[in-house]
């Protein structure tokens, strides 16, 4: 059984750990200290256990989601699909017209791309050195550089 809930402090430690495991120690600030800056912060539970999260902000009639992260053991089980499908329906009800996100390349592949394409997101542009410009003082474990030289793709979905 899957359930989507709004952010709760109860899950902050597991969210911090999941983000650190996935991206490395790029940010030592706990999500407890930053969650209030997001208009939308959803946690997905599978069988009453944390399975992933998504957060982002409304910018006029556009929603930009900064993070979608499904735990490694829960991937390929429809959890990301369930989360994104419910988010899209909620955003439509709020009058959102577009959804935008950025996704990182890892070895010329974008892990998030199949999920985004499933929901008719369009890949708009690649940006070389994107993450280094966003986080200039963070060492990247993928490209072994400070600042990060990895590229990202920008995706857009029109609602």
C-alpha atoms as a PDB file:
ATOM      1  CA  UNK A   1       0.000   0.000   0.000  1.00  0.00           C
ATOM      2  CA  UNK A   2       1.285   3.463  -0.937  1.00  0.00           C
ATOM      3  CA  UNK A   3       0.411   6.735   0.738  1.00  0.00           C
ATOM      4  CA  UNK A   4       1.537  10.296   0.039  1.00  0.00           C
ATOM      5  CA  UNK A   5       1.815  12.696   2.963  1.00  0.00           C
ATOM      6  CA  UNK A   6       3.034  16.242   3.423  1.00  0.00           C
ATOM      7  CA  UNK A   7       6.421  16.764   5.098  1.00  0.00           C
ATOM      8  CA  UNK A   8       6.724  15.640   8.718  1.00  0.00           C
ATOM      9  CA  UNK A   9       9.796  16.118  10.944  1.00  0.00           C
ATOM     10  CA  UNK A  10       9.555  12.418  11.826  1.00  0.00           C
ATOM     11  CA  UNK A  11      11.148  11.622   8.462  1.00  0.00           C
ATOM     12  CA  UNK A  12      13.847  14.313   8.437  1.00  0.00           C
ATOM     13  CA  UNK A  13      16.732  12.027   9.452  1.00  0.00           C
ATOM     14  CA  UNK A  14      15.930   9.431   6.809  1.00  0.00           C
ATOM     15  CA  UNK A  15      15.540  12.181   4.172  1.00  0.00           C
ATOM     16  CA  UNK A  16      18.917  13.668   5.154  1.00  0.00           C
ATOM     17  CA  UNK A  17      20.516  10.211   4.954  1.00  0.00           C
ATOM     18  CA  UNK A  18      18.939   9.335   1.596  1.00  0.00           C
ATOM     19  CA  UNK A  19      20.044  12.638   0.045  1.00  0.00           C
ATOM     20  CA  UNK A  20      23.578  12.256   1.435  1.00  0.00           C
ATOM     21  CA  UNK A  21      23.767   8.657   0.166  1.00  0.00           C
ATOM     22  CA  UNK A  22      22.606   9.639  -3.298  1.00  0.00           C
ATOM     23  CA  UNK A  23      24.427  12.939  -3.826  1.00  0.00           C
ATOM     24  CA  UNK A  24      27.178  12.748  -1.236  1.00  0.00           C
ATOM     25  CA  UNK A  25      27.752  15.192   1.580  1.00  0.00           C
ATOM     26  CA  UNK A  26      26.930  18.177  -0.635  1.00  0.00           C
ATOM     27  CA  UNK A  27      24.924  19.964   2.011  1.00  0.00           C
ATOM     28  CA  UNK A  28      25.338  19.606   5.750  1.00  0.00           C
ATOM     29  CA  UNK A  29      22.086  21.460   6.478  1.00  0.00           C
ATOM     30  CA  UNK A  30      19.277  19.237   7.702  1.00  0.00           C
ATOM     31  CA  UNK A  31      16.013  19.263   5.787  1.00  0.00           C
ATOM     32  CA  UNK A  32      14.427  20.324   9.118  1.00  0.00           C
ATOM     33  CA  UNK A  33      16.091  23.702   8.627  1.00  0.00           C
ATOM     34  CA  UNK A  34      15.095  24.178   4.981  1.00  0.00           C
ATOM     35  CA  UNK A  35      11.764  22.412   4.377  1.00  0.00           C
ATOM     36  CA  UNK A  36       9.751  25.585   5.025  1.00  0.00           C
ATOM     37  CA  UNK A  37      11.218  27.210   1.904  1.00  0.00           C
ATOM     38  CA  UNK A  38       9.333  24.716  -0.313  1.00  0.00           C
ATOM     39  CA  UNK A  39       5.718  25.248  -1.337  1.00  0.00           C
ATOM     40  CA  UNK A  40       5.244  21.518  -1.926  1.00  0.00           C
ATOM     41  CA  UNK A  41       6.999  18.786   0.033  1.00  0.00           C
ATOM     42  CA  UNK A  42       5.627  15.278  -0.374  1.00  0.00           C
ATOM     43  CA  UNK A  43       6.780  12.048   1.248  1.00  0.00           C
ATOM     44  CA  UNK A  44       5.718   8.703  -0.154  1.00  0.00           C
ATOM     45  CA  UNK A  45       5.273   5.749   2.151  1.00  0.00           C
ATOM     46  CA  UNK A  46       5.089   2.125   1.083  1.00  0.00           C
ATOM     47  CA  UNK A  47       3.596  -0.216   3.667  1.00  0.00           C
ATOM     48  CA  UNK A  48       3.932   2.627   6.219  1.00  0.00           C
ATOM     49  CA  UNK A  49       7.693   2.967   5.580  1.00  0.00           C
ATOM     50  CA  UNK A  50       9.489   5.894   3.960  1.00  0.00           C
ATOM     51  CA  UNK A  51      10.037   5.176   0.251  1.00  0.00           C
ATOM     52  CA  UNK A  52      10.934   8.599  -1.164  1.00  0.00           C
ATOM     53  CA  UNK A  53      10.176  12.291  -1.380  1.00  0.00           C
ATOM     54  CA  UNK A  54       9.715  15.221  -3.727  1.00  0.00           C
ATOM     55  CA  UNK A  55       9.870  18.949  -3.123  1.00  0.00           C
ATOM     56  CA  UNK A  56       9.697  22.168  -5.064  1.00  0.00           C
ATOM     57  CA  UNK A  57       8.137  25.598  -5.489  1.00  0.00           C
ATOM     58  CA  UNK A  58       5.371  27.345  -7.348  1.00  0.00           C
ATOM     59  CA  UNK A  59       6.599  30.242  -9.488  1.00  0.00           C
ATOM     60  CA  UNK A  60       3.472  31.937 -10.776  1.00  0.00           C
ATOM     61  CA  UNK A  61       1.586  29.211 -12.645  1.00  0.00           C
ATOM     62  CA  UNK A  62       4.718  27.044 -13.010  1.00  0.00           C
ATOM     63  CA  UNK A  63       5.895  24.387 -10.566  1.00  0.00           C
ATOM     64  CA  UNK A  64       9.628  23.653 -10.347  1.00  0.00           C
ATOM     65  CA  UNK A  65      10.503  20.492  -8.490  1.00  0.00           C
ATOM     66  CA  UNK A  66      13.982  20.547  -7.126  1.00  0.00           C
ATOM     67  CA  UNK A  67      14.205  16.970  -5.871  1.00  0.00           C
ATOM     68  CA  UNK A  68      12.535  13.642  -6.503  1.00  0.00           C
ATOM     69  CA  UNK A  69      14.259  10.779  -4.759  1.00  0.00           C
ATOM     70  CA  UNK A  70      13.059   7.208  -4.344  1.00  0.00           C
ATOM     71  CA  UNK A  71      15.078   4.946  -2.050  1.00  0.00           C
ATOM     72  CA  UNK A  72      17.247   2.466  -3.893  1.00  0.00           C
ATOM     73  CA  UNK A  73      15.369  -0.562  -2.539  1.00  0.00           C
ATOM     74  CA  UNK A  74      12.037   0.929  -3.705  1.00  0.00           C
ATOM     75  CA  UNK A  75      13.000   1.808  -7.269  1.00  0.00           C
ATOM     76  CA  UNK A  76      11.369   0.048 -10.236  1.00  0.00           C
ATOM     77  CA  UNK A  77       8.218  -0.649  -8.179  1.00  0.00           C
ATOM     78  CA  UNK A  78       5.945   2.121  -9.504  1.00  0.00           C
ATOM     79  CA  UNK A  79       6.546   4.398  -6.527  1.00  0.00           C
ATOM     80  CA  UNK A  80       7.971   7.290  -8.540  1.00  0.00           C
ATOM     81  CA  UNK A  81       5.116   6.908 -11.012  1.00  0.00           C
ATOM     82  CA  UNK A  82       2.547   7.001  -8.212  1.00  0.00           C
ATOM     83  CA  UNK A  83       4.166  10.049  -6.626  1.00  0.00           C
ATOM     84  CA  UNK A  84       4.474  12.020  -9.863  1.00  0.00           C
ATOM     85  CA  UNK A  85       0.971  11.093 -11.043  1.00  0.00           C
ATOM     86  CA  UNK A  86      -0.562  12.329  -7.791  1.00  0.00           C
ATOM     87  CA  UNK A  87       1.541  15.491  -7.830  1.00  0.00           C
ATOM     88  CA  UNK A  88       0.473  16.314 -11.398  1.00  0.00           C
ATOM     89  CA  UNK A  89      -3.198  15.888 -10.487  1.00  0.00           C
ATOM     90  CA  UNK A  90      -2.792  18.094  -7.413  1.00  0.00           C
ATOM     91  CA  UNK A  91      -0.969  20.769  -9.424  1.00  0.00           C
ATOM     92  CA  UNK A  92      -3.702  20.783 -12.087  1.00  0.00           C
ATOM     93  CA  UNK A  93      -6.264  21.395  -9.338  1.00  0.00           C
ATOM     94  CA  UNK A  94      -4.159  24.358  -8.165  1.00  0.00           C
ATOM     95  CA  UNK A  95      -4.182  25.887 -11.668  1.00  0.00           C
ATOM     96  CA  UNK A  96      -0.577  25.071 -12.483  1.00  0.00           C
ATOM     97  CA  UNK A  97       0.165  25.344 -16.223  1.00  0.00           C
ATOM     98  CA  UNK A  98       3.724  23.963 -16.456  1.00  0.00           C
ATOM     99  CA  UNK A  99       6.087  21.741 -14.493  1.00  0.00           C
ATOM    100  CA  UNK A 100       9.857  22.101 -14.839  1.00  0.00           C
ATOM    101  CA  UNK A 101      12.726  20.143 -13.365  1.00  0.00           C
ATOM    102  CA  UNK A 102      16.427  19.614 -13.881  1.00  0.00           C
ATOM    103  CA  UNK A 103      17.986  16.160 -13.914  1.00  0.00           C
ATOM    104  CA  UNK A 104      21.636  15.230 -13.684  1.00  0.00           C
ATOM    105  CA  UNK A 105      23.566  13.238 -16.197  1.00  0.00           C
ATOM    106  CA  UNK A 106      25.587  10.343 -14.843  1.00  0.00           C
ATOM    107  CA  UNK A 107      27.839   8.791 -17.489  1.00  0.00           C
ATOM    108  CA  UNK A 108      25.774  10.245 -20.342  1.00  0.00           C
ATOM    109  CA  UNK A 109      22.510   8.882 -18.903  1.00  0.00           C
ATOM    110  CA  UNK A 110      19.756  10.591 -16.975  1.00  0.00           C
ATOM    111  CA  UNK A 111      18.288   8.175 -14.422  1.00  0.00           C
ATOM    112  CA  UNK A 112      15.116  10.242 -14.098  1.00  0.00           C
ATOM    113  CA  UNK A 113      14.509  10.511 -17.849  1.00  0.00           C
ATOM    114  CA  UNK A 114      12.353   7.360 -18.342  1.00  0.00           C
ATOM    115  CA  UNK A 115       9.977   8.487 -15.586  1.00  0.00           C
ATOM    116  CA  UNK A 116       9.739  12.018 -16.963  1.00  0.00           C
ATOM    117  CA  UNK A 117       9.140  10.808 -20.532  1.00  0.00           C
ATOM    118  CA  UNK A 118       6.394   8.493 -19.254  1.00  0.00           C
ATOM    119  CA  UNK A 119       4.539  11.657 -18.165  1.00  0.00           C
ATOM    120  CA  UNK A 120       5.229  13.511 -21.434  1.00  0.00           C
ATOM    121  CA  UNK A 121       7.915  15.812 -20.094  1.00  0.00           C
ATOM    122  CA  UNK A 122       9.985  17.263 -22.926  1.00  0.00           C
ATOM    123  CA  UNK A 123      13.751  17.528 -22.681  1.00  0.00           C
ATOM    124  CA  UNK A 124      14.345  21.189 -23.485  1.00  0.00           C
ATOM    125  CA  UNK A 125      18.086  21.782 -23.136  1.00  0.00           C
ATOM    126  CA  UNK A 126      21.336  20.396 -21.754  1.00  0.00           C
ATOM    127  CA  UNK A 127      23.454  22.681 -19.587  1.00  0.00           C
ATOM    128  CA  UNK A 128      27.151  21.865 -19.149  1.00  0.00           C
ATOM    129  CA  UNK A 129      28.523  22.674 -15.699  1.00  0.00           C
ATOM    130  CA  UNK A 130      25.015  23.260 -14.347  1.00  0.00           C
ATOM    131  CA  UNK A 131      25.539  21.865 -10.855  1.00  0.00           C
ATOM    132  CA  UNK A 132      28.806  23.752 -10.340  1.00  0.00           C
ATOM    133  CA  UNK A 133      27.022  27.016 -11.082  1.00  0.00           C
ATOM    134  CA  UNK A 134      24.213  26.194  -8.646  1.00  0.00           C
ATOM    135  CA  UNK A 135      26.513  24.832  -5.910  1.00  0.00           C
ATOM    136  CA  UNK A 136      29.955  26.370  -6.598  1.00  0.00           C
ATOM    137  CA  UNK A 137      31.512  25.359  -3.265  1.00  0.00           C
ATOM    138  CA  UNK A 138      30.512  21.703  -3.363  1.00  0.00           C
ATOM    139  CA  UNK A 139      32.879  18.914  -4.379  1.00  0.00           C
ATOM    140  CA  UNK A 140      31.233  16.471  -6.816  1.00  0.00           C
ATOM    141  CA  UNK A 141      31.830  12.774  -6.200  1.00  0.00           C
ATOM    142  CA  UNK A 142      30.758  11.927  -9.766  1.00  0.00           C
ATOM    143  CA  UNK A 143      33.148  14.154 -11.736  1.00  0.00           C
ATOM    144  CA  UNK A 144      35.670  14.551  -8.871  1.00  0.00           C
ATOM    145  CA  UNK A 145      35.717  18.302  -9.258  1.00  0.00           C
ATOM    146  CA  UNK A 146      35.145  21.530  -7.353  1.00  0.00           C
ATOM    147  CA  UNK A 147      33.060  23.094  -8.693  1.00  0.00           C
ATOM    148  CA  UNK A 148      31.114  20.269 -10.311  1.00  0.00           C
ATOM    149  CA  UNK A 149      31.472  20.033 -14.074  1.00  0.00           C
ATOM    150  CA  UNK A 150      28.526  17.671 -14.555  1.00  0.00           C
ATOM    151  CA  UNK A 151      25.761  18.622 -16.917  1.00  0.00           C
ATOM    152  CA  UNK A 152      22.023  18.579 -16.418  1.00  0.00           C
ATOM    153  CA  UNK A 153      18.986  18.540 -18.638  1.00  0.00           C
ATOM    154  CA  UNK A 154      15.957  20.770 -18.205  1.00  0.00           C
ATOM    155  CA  UNK A 155      12.579  19.078 -18.665  1.00  0.00           C
ATOM    156  CA  UNK A 156       9.187  20.728 -19.157  1.00  0.00           C
ATOM    157  CA  UNK A 157       5.655  19.378 -18.941  1.00  0.00           C
ATOM    158  CA  UNK A 158       2.739  21.508 -20.067  1.00  0.00           C
ATOM    159  CA  UNK A 159      -0.495  20.826 -18.211  1.00  0.00           C
END
